[in-house]
N, C-alpha and C. Protein backbone atom coordinates (compact mmCIF):
# COMPACT_ATOMS: atom_id res chain seq x y z
N MET A 1 -11.34 4.35 -6.82
CA MET A 1 -12.62 3.60 -5.91
C MET A 1 -13.37 5.31 -6.26
N ASN A 2 -14.53 4.99 -5.95
CA ASN A 2 -15.27 6.59 -5.57
C ASN A 2 -14.87 7.19 -4.57
N ALA A 3 -15.07 8.23 -4.29
CA ALA A 3 -13.90 8.91 -2.94
C ALA A 3 -14.93 9.10 -2.02
N ASP A 4 -16.13 9.29 -2.19
CA ASP A 4 -17.35 9.40 -1.13
C ASP A 4 -17.45 7.89 -0.44
N ILE A 5 -17.73 6.54 -1.44
CA ILE A 5 -17.84 5.85 -0.99
C ILE A 5 -16.72 5.15 0.14
N LYS A 6 -15.65 5.54 -0.73
CA LYS A 6 -13.97 4.95 0.36
C LYS A 6 -14.23 5.59 1.79
N VAL A 7 -14.70 6.96 1.59
CA VAL A 7 -14.61 7.59 2.78
C VAL A 7 -15.82 7.22 4.26
N LYS A 8 -16.71 6.59 3.61
CA LYS A 8 -17.74 5.61 4.39
C LYS A 8 -17.77 4.51 4.59
N TRP A 9 -17.06 3.62 3.62
CA TRP A 9 -16.89 2.44 4.10
C TRP A 9 -15.37 2.50 4.88
N VAL A 10 -14.43 3.05 4.45
CA VAL A 10 -13.39 3.03 5.97
C VAL A 10 -14.10 3.32 7.58
N ALA A 11 -14.94 4.50 7.24
CA ALA A 11 -15.40 4.82 8.87
C ALA A 11 -16.38 3.60 9.26
N ALA A 12 -17.02 2.94 8.41
CA ALA A 12 -18.27 1.95 9.04
C ALA A 12 -17.03 0.64 9.51
N LEU A 13 -16.07 0.49 8.55
CA LEU A 13 -15.33 -0.44 9.14
C LEU A 13 -14.47 -0.32 10.56
N ARG A 14 -14.32 1.28 10.55
CA ARG A 14 -13.55 1.55 12.07
C ARG A 14 -14.85 1.33 13.09
N SER A 15 -16.13 1.95 12.81
CA SER A 15 -16.95 2.18 13.90
C SER A 15 -17.48 1.16 15.00
N GLY A 16 -17.12 0.29 14.72
CA GLY A 16 -17.29 -0.86 15.66
C GLY A 16 -18.97 -1.37 15.49
N LYS A 17 -19.67 -0.60 14.45
CA LYS A 17 -21.03 -1.23 14.55
C LYS A 17 -21.19 -2.79 13.47
N TYR A 18 -19.98 -2.58 12.65
CA TYR A 18 -20.37 -3.96 12.22
C TYR A 18 -19.41 -5.02 13.01
N ARG A 19 -19.72 -6.46 13.26
CA ARG A 19 -19.21 -7.79 13.79
C ARG A 19 -18.23 -8.54 12.63
N GLN A 20 -17.02 -8.77 12.79
CA GLN A 20 -16.11 -8.92 11.47
C GLN A 20 -16.36 -10.56 11.52
N GLY A 21 -16.57 -11.42 10.36
CA GLY A 21 -16.81 -12.69 10.32
C GLY A 21 -16.15 -12.87 9.21
N GLU A 22 -15.86 -14.97 8.72
CA GLU A 22 -15.34 -14.79 7.65
C GLU A 22 -16.02 -15.90 6.69
N GLY A 23 -15.47 -15.97 5.44
CA GLY A 23 -16.55 -17.31 4.58
C GLY A 23 -17.65 -16.71 4.38
N TYR A 24 -18.11 -15.24 4.32
CA TYR A 24 -19.52 -14.91 3.80
C TYR A 24 -19.32 -13.77 3.85
N LEU A 25 -20.05 -13.34 3.34
CA LEU A 25 -20.43 -11.44 3.16
C LEU A 25 -21.16 -11.12 4.41
N GLN A 26 -22.15 -11.66 4.77
CA GLN A 26 -22.85 -11.91 5.65
C GLN A 26 -23.48 -12.78 6.46
N LYS A 27 -23.40 -13.32 7.56
CA LYS A 27 -23.61 -14.53 8.25
C LYS A 27 -24.13 -14.44 9.83
N ASP A 28 -25.07 -14.85 10.30
CA ASP A 28 -25.33 -14.49 11.58
C ASP A 28 -25.07 -13.14 12.20
N GLY A 29 -25.02 -12.10 11.48
CA GLY A 29 -24.83 -11.17 12.52
C GLY A 29 -23.44 -10.56 12.19
N ARG A 30 -22.50 -11.07 11.69
CA ARG A 30 -21.03 -10.90 11.46
C ARG A 30 -20.82 -10.88 9.91
N PHE A 31 -19.93 -9.94 9.46
CA PHE A 31 -19.78 -9.24 8.02
C PHE A 31 -18.10 -9.52 7.79
N CYS A 32 -18.17 -9.69 6.38
CA CYS A 32 -17.11 -9.83 5.40
C CYS A 32 -16.64 -8.01 5.65
N CYS A 33 -15.53 -8.06 5.03
CA CYS A 33 -14.99 -6.29 4.90
C CYS A 33 -15.99 -6.26 3.61
N LEU A 34 -16.16 -7.08 2.44
CA LEU A 34 -16.71 -6.72 1.68
C LEU A 34 -18.27 -6.86 1.67
N GLY A 35 -18.84 -7.08 2.66
CA GLY A 35 -20.37 -7.55 2.98
C GLY A 35 -20.72 -5.94 3.62
N VAL A 36 -19.64 -5.25 4.65
CA VAL A 36 -19.74 -3.88 4.91
C VAL A 36 -20.34 -2.82 3.85
N LEU A 37 -19.51 -3.19 2.84
CA LEU A 37 -19.19 -2.30 1.40
C LEU A 37 -20.70 -2.26 1.05
N CYS A 38 -21.16 -3.63 0.94
CA CYS A 38 -22.19 -4.21 -0.04
C CYS A 38 -23.76 -3.32 1.11
N ASP A 39 -23.77 -3.48 2.29
CA ASP A 39 -24.64 -3.20 2.88
C ASP A 39 -24.58 -1.71 3.02
N LEU A 40 -23.44 -1.04 2.66
CA LEU A 40 -23.97 0.30 2.66
C LEU A 40 -23.88 0.95 1.73
N LEU A 41 -23.74 0.09 0.55
CA LEU A 41 -24.34 0.59 -1.13
C LEU A 41 -25.94 0.08 -0.75
N ASP A 42 -26.43 -0.88 -0.53
CA ASP A 42 -27.76 -1.44 -0.47
C ASP A 42 -28.05 -2.39 0.17
N ASP A 43 -28.96 -1.98 1.69
CA ASP A 43 -28.83 -2.76 2.88
C ASP A 43 -30.01 -3.63 2.80
N LYS A 44 -30.85 -4.33 1.41
CA LYS A 44 -31.62 -5.25 1.05
C LYS A 44 -31.22 -6.23 0.17
N ASP A 45 -31.16 -5.61 -0.98
CA ASP A 45 -31.03 -6.91 -1.58
C ASP A 45 -29.98 -7.78 -2.20
N TRP A 46 -28.69 -7.10 -1.22
CA TRP A 46 -27.62 -8.13 -1.67
C TRP A 46 -27.31 -9.42 -0.89
N ARG A 47 -28.48 -9.49 -0.12
CA ARG A 47 -28.04 -10.81 0.81
C ARG A 47 -28.84 -11.91 0.38
N ARG A 48 -28.84 -12.14 -1.05
CA ARG A 48 -29.50 -13.42 -1.28
C ARG A 48 -28.36 -14.30 -1.49
N SER A 49 -28.83 -15.61 -1.41
CA SER A 49 -27.99 -16.79 -1.62
C SER A 49 -27.08 -16.62 -2.95
N TRP A 50 -26.17 -17.65 -2.71
CA TRP A 50 -25.28 -17.71 -3.81
C TRP A 50 -26.56 -18.28 -4.94
N ASP A 51 -27.26 -19.24 -5.04
CA ASP A 51 -28.00 -19.83 -6.21
C ASP A 51 -29.35 -18.34 -6.57
N GLU A 52 -29.32 -17.54 -5.52
CA GLU A 52 -30.48 -16.47 -6.12
C GLU A 52 -29.67 -15.30 -6.91
N GLN A 53 -28.71 -15.07 -6.94
CA GLN A 53 -27.88 -14.04 -7.39
C GLN A 53 -28.55 -13.61 -8.66
N GLU A 54 -28.67 -12.91 -9.71
CA GLU A 54 -28.92 -12.73 -11.01
C GLU A 54 -27.01 -12.25 -11.77
N ALA A 55 -26.89 -11.59 -10.77
CA ALA A 55 -25.38 -11.07 -11.28
C ALA A 55 -24.55 -10.71 -10.68
N GLY A 56 -23.25 -11.18 -10.47
CA GLY A 56 -22.30 -10.58 -9.56
C GLY A 56 -20.73 -11.19 -10.13
N SER A 57 -19.57 -10.57 -9.59
CA SER A 57 -18.37 -11.05 -9.77
C SER A 57 -17.94 -12.06 -8.79
N LEU A 58 -17.43 -13.04 -9.69
CA LEU A 58 -16.70 -14.54 -8.58
C LEU A 58 -16.06 -14.05 -8.15
N LEU A 59 -15.70 -13.84 -7.18
CA LEU A 59 -14.20 -13.60 -6.55
C LEU A 59 -13.51 -14.74 -5.93
N TRP A 60 -12.23 -14.70 -6.40
CA TRP A 60 -10.96 -15.54 -5.69
C TRP A 60 -10.67 -14.93 -4.64
N GLY A 61 -10.26 -15.09 -3.46
CA GLY A 61 -9.58 -14.62 -2.79
C GLY A 61 -8.51 -15.52 -1.92
N GLY A 62 -8.07 -16.54 -3.00
CA GLY A 62 -7.28 -17.43 -2.05
C GLY A 62 -7.65 -18.17 -0.83
N THR A 63 -8.45 -17.68 -0.21
CA THR A 63 -9.37 -18.38 0.66
C THR A 63 -10.37 -19.11 0.46
N GLY A 64 -11.00 -19.12 -0.72
CA GLY A 64 -12.28 -19.64 -1.37
C GLY A 64 -13.10 -18.46 -1.82
N LEU A 65 -14.09 -19.17 -2.85
CA LEU A 65 -15.21 -18.31 -3.47
C LEU A 65 -16.31 -17.14 -3.19
N ALA A 66 -16.40 -16.52 -3.44
CA ALA A 66 -17.64 -15.48 -3.19
C ALA A 66 -18.10 -14.46 -4.40
N ILE A 67 -19.03 -14.51 -4.38
CA ILE A 67 -19.88 -14.03 -4.82
C ILE A 67 -20.65 -12.53 -4.57
N VAL A 68 -20.17 -11.28 -5.37
CA VAL A 68 -20.49 -9.76 -4.94
C VAL A 68 -21.30 -9.20 -6.06
N PRO A 69 -22.51 -8.78 -6.11
CA PRO A 69 -23.14 -8.13 -6.76
C PRO A 69 -22.35 -7.08 -7.53
N ASP A 70 -22.57 -7.45 -8.82
CA ASP A 70 -21.59 -6.29 -10.13
C ASP A 70 -21.76 -4.98 -9.86
N ASP A 71 -23.01 -4.61 -9.58
CA ASP A 71 -23.33 -3.52 -9.45
C ASP A 71 -22.83 -2.47 -8.06
N GLY A 72 -22.69 -3.75 -7.35
CA GLY A 72 -21.75 -2.71 -6.00
C GLY A 72 -20.43 -2.53 -6.39
N LEU A 73 -19.73 -3.79 -7.11
CA LEU A 73 -18.46 -3.07 -6.84
C LEU A 73 -18.19 -2.44 -8.13
N ALA A 74 -19.18 -1.87 -9.61
CA ALA A 74 -18.85 -1.01 -9.94
C ALA A 74 -19.60 0.39 -9.55
N ARG A 75 -19.96 0.36 -8.69
CA ARG A 75 -20.90 2.04 -8.58
C ARG A 75 -19.57 2.32 -7.09
N ALA A 76 -19.01 1.18 -6.69
CA ALA A 76 -17.95 1.50 -5.58
C ALA A 76 -16.70 2.02 -6.50
N GLY A 77 -16.45 1.37 -7.81
CA GLY A 77 -15.48 1.65 -8.29
C GLY A 77 -14.35 0.78 -8.29
N ILE A 78 -14.64 -0.49 -7.87
CA ILE A 78 -13.55 -1.54 -7.28
C ILE A 78 -13.10 -2.77 -8.36
N HIS A 79 -12.34 -2.87 -8.54
CA HIS A 79 -11.58 -3.88 -9.84
C HIS A 79 -11.66 -5.24 -9.17
N PRO A 80 -12.26 -6.62 -9.67
CA PRO A 80 -12.69 -7.71 -8.75
C PRO A 80 -11.46 -8.37 -8.15
N HIS A 81 -10.09 -7.83 -9.18
CA HIS A 81 -9.09 -8.80 -8.13
C HIS A 81 -8.57 -7.70 -6.86
N LYS A 82 -8.64 -6.81 -6.88
CA LYS A 82 -8.82 -5.88 -5.43
C LYS A 82 -9.85 -6.39 -4.56
N ALA A 83 -10.83 -6.47 -4.91
CA ALA A 83 -11.98 -7.08 -4.05
C ALA A 83 -11.09 -8.39 -3.65
N GLY A 84 -11.06 -9.30 -4.44
CA GLY A 84 -10.29 -10.38 -4.27
C GLY A 84 -9.24 -10.51 -3.04
N HIS A 85 -8.21 -9.22 -3.41
CA HIS A 85 -7.16 -9.00 -2.02
C HIS A 85 -7.89 -8.56 -0.90
N LEU A 86 -9.07 -8.01 -0.74
CA LEU A 86 -9.19 -7.54 0.38
C LEU A 86 -10.26 -8.64 1.00
N MET A 87 -10.98 -9.78 0.27
CA MET A 87 -11.35 -11.04 0.86
C MET A 87 -10.49 -11.78 1.65
N THR A 88 -9.11 -11.72 0.94
CA THR A 88 -8.53 -12.50 1.02
C THR A 88 -7.69 -12.20 2.64
N MET A 89 -7.91 -10.74 3.17
CA MET A 89 -7.19 -10.35 4.46
C MET A 89 -8.33 -10.54 5.15
N ASN A 90 -9.55 -10.00 4.83
CA ASN A 90 -10.33 -10.43 6.00
C ASN A 90 -10.21 -11.95 6.31
N ASP A 91 -10.52 -12.94 5.39
CA ASP A 91 -10.80 -14.39 5.96
C ASP A 91 -9.49 -15.13 6.40
N THR A 92 -8.40 -14.02 6.31
CA THR A 92 -7.32 -15.01 7.03
C THR A 92 -6.84 -14.08 8.39
N GLY A 93 -7.83 -12.71 8.90
CA GLY A 93 -7.66 -12.37 10.15
C GLY A 93 -6.98 -11.15 10.15
N GLU A 94 -7.00 -10.56 9.04
CA GLU A 94 -6.81 -9.01 9.59
C GLU A 94 -7.84 -8.44 10.04
N SER A 95 -7.84 -7.21 10.84
CA SER A 95 -8.84 -6.66 11.33
C SER A 95 -9.28 -6.07 10.63
N PHE A 96 -10.59 -5.64 11.01
CA PHE A 96 -11.25 -4.30 10.15
C PHE A 96 -10.41 -3.20 9.98
N ALA A 97 -9.90 -2.77 11.26
CA ALA A 97 -8.89 -1.69 10.95
C ALA A 97 -7.85 -1.29 10.15
N ARG A 98 -7.20 -2.70 9.96
CA ARG A 98 -6.09 -3.01 9.22
C ARG A 98 -6.51 -3.36 7.99
N ILE A 99 -7.87 -3.43 7.50
CA ILE A 99 -8.30 -3.42 6.15
C ILE A 99 -8.52 -1.96 5.87
N ALA A 100 -8.83 -1.42 6.77
CA ALA A 100 -9.59 0.45 6.47
C ALA A 100 -8.13 1.04 5.87
N ASP A 101 -6.93 0.73 6.59
CA ASP A 101 -5.87 1.21 6.41
C ASP A 101 -5.04 0.69 4.96
N TRP A 102 -5.62 -0.41 4.42
CA TRP A 102 -5.24 -1.12 3.33
C TRP A 102 -5.94 -0.01 2.18
N ILE A 103 -7.14 0.31 2.43
CA ILE A 103 -8.04 0.48 1.51
C ILE A 103 -7.77 2.10 1.44
N GLU A 104 -7.30 2.62 2.25
CA GLU A 104 -7.03 4.14 2.37
C GLU A 104 -5.86 4.15 1.35
N LYS A 105 -4.88 3.10 1.47
CA LYS A 105 -3.87 3.78 0.81
C LYS A 105 -3.58 3.10 -0.70
N ASN A 106 -4.46 2.33 -0.75
CA ASN A 106 -4.39 1.53 -2.29
C ASN A 106 -5.77 1.68 -3.00
N LEU A 107 -6.94 2.26 -2.28
CA LEU A 107 -7.74 2.10 -3.61
C LEU A 107 -8.44 3.82 -3.80
């Protein structure tokens, strides 16, 4: 993973700026951990609906499907399988703090 992005992402997850949600990258002011990453990388274009996404990685996280813009995962240096694992952690109740710990140790 890109080291600079990793530091910013972990800090954002721990900052309290983002309210955690489940099932969506971002909805009603709540974010998945991957939505936080997308927001850091590009705070405007990634929030398109599923049908509007031109290119993205379809992730299976064990709790459902999500589409994350390919350029975001590539820029961050995250393999889609790892992103799917993070989605599962988020959607099964792991806190942003615990997810940040996992990112530090595993990415």
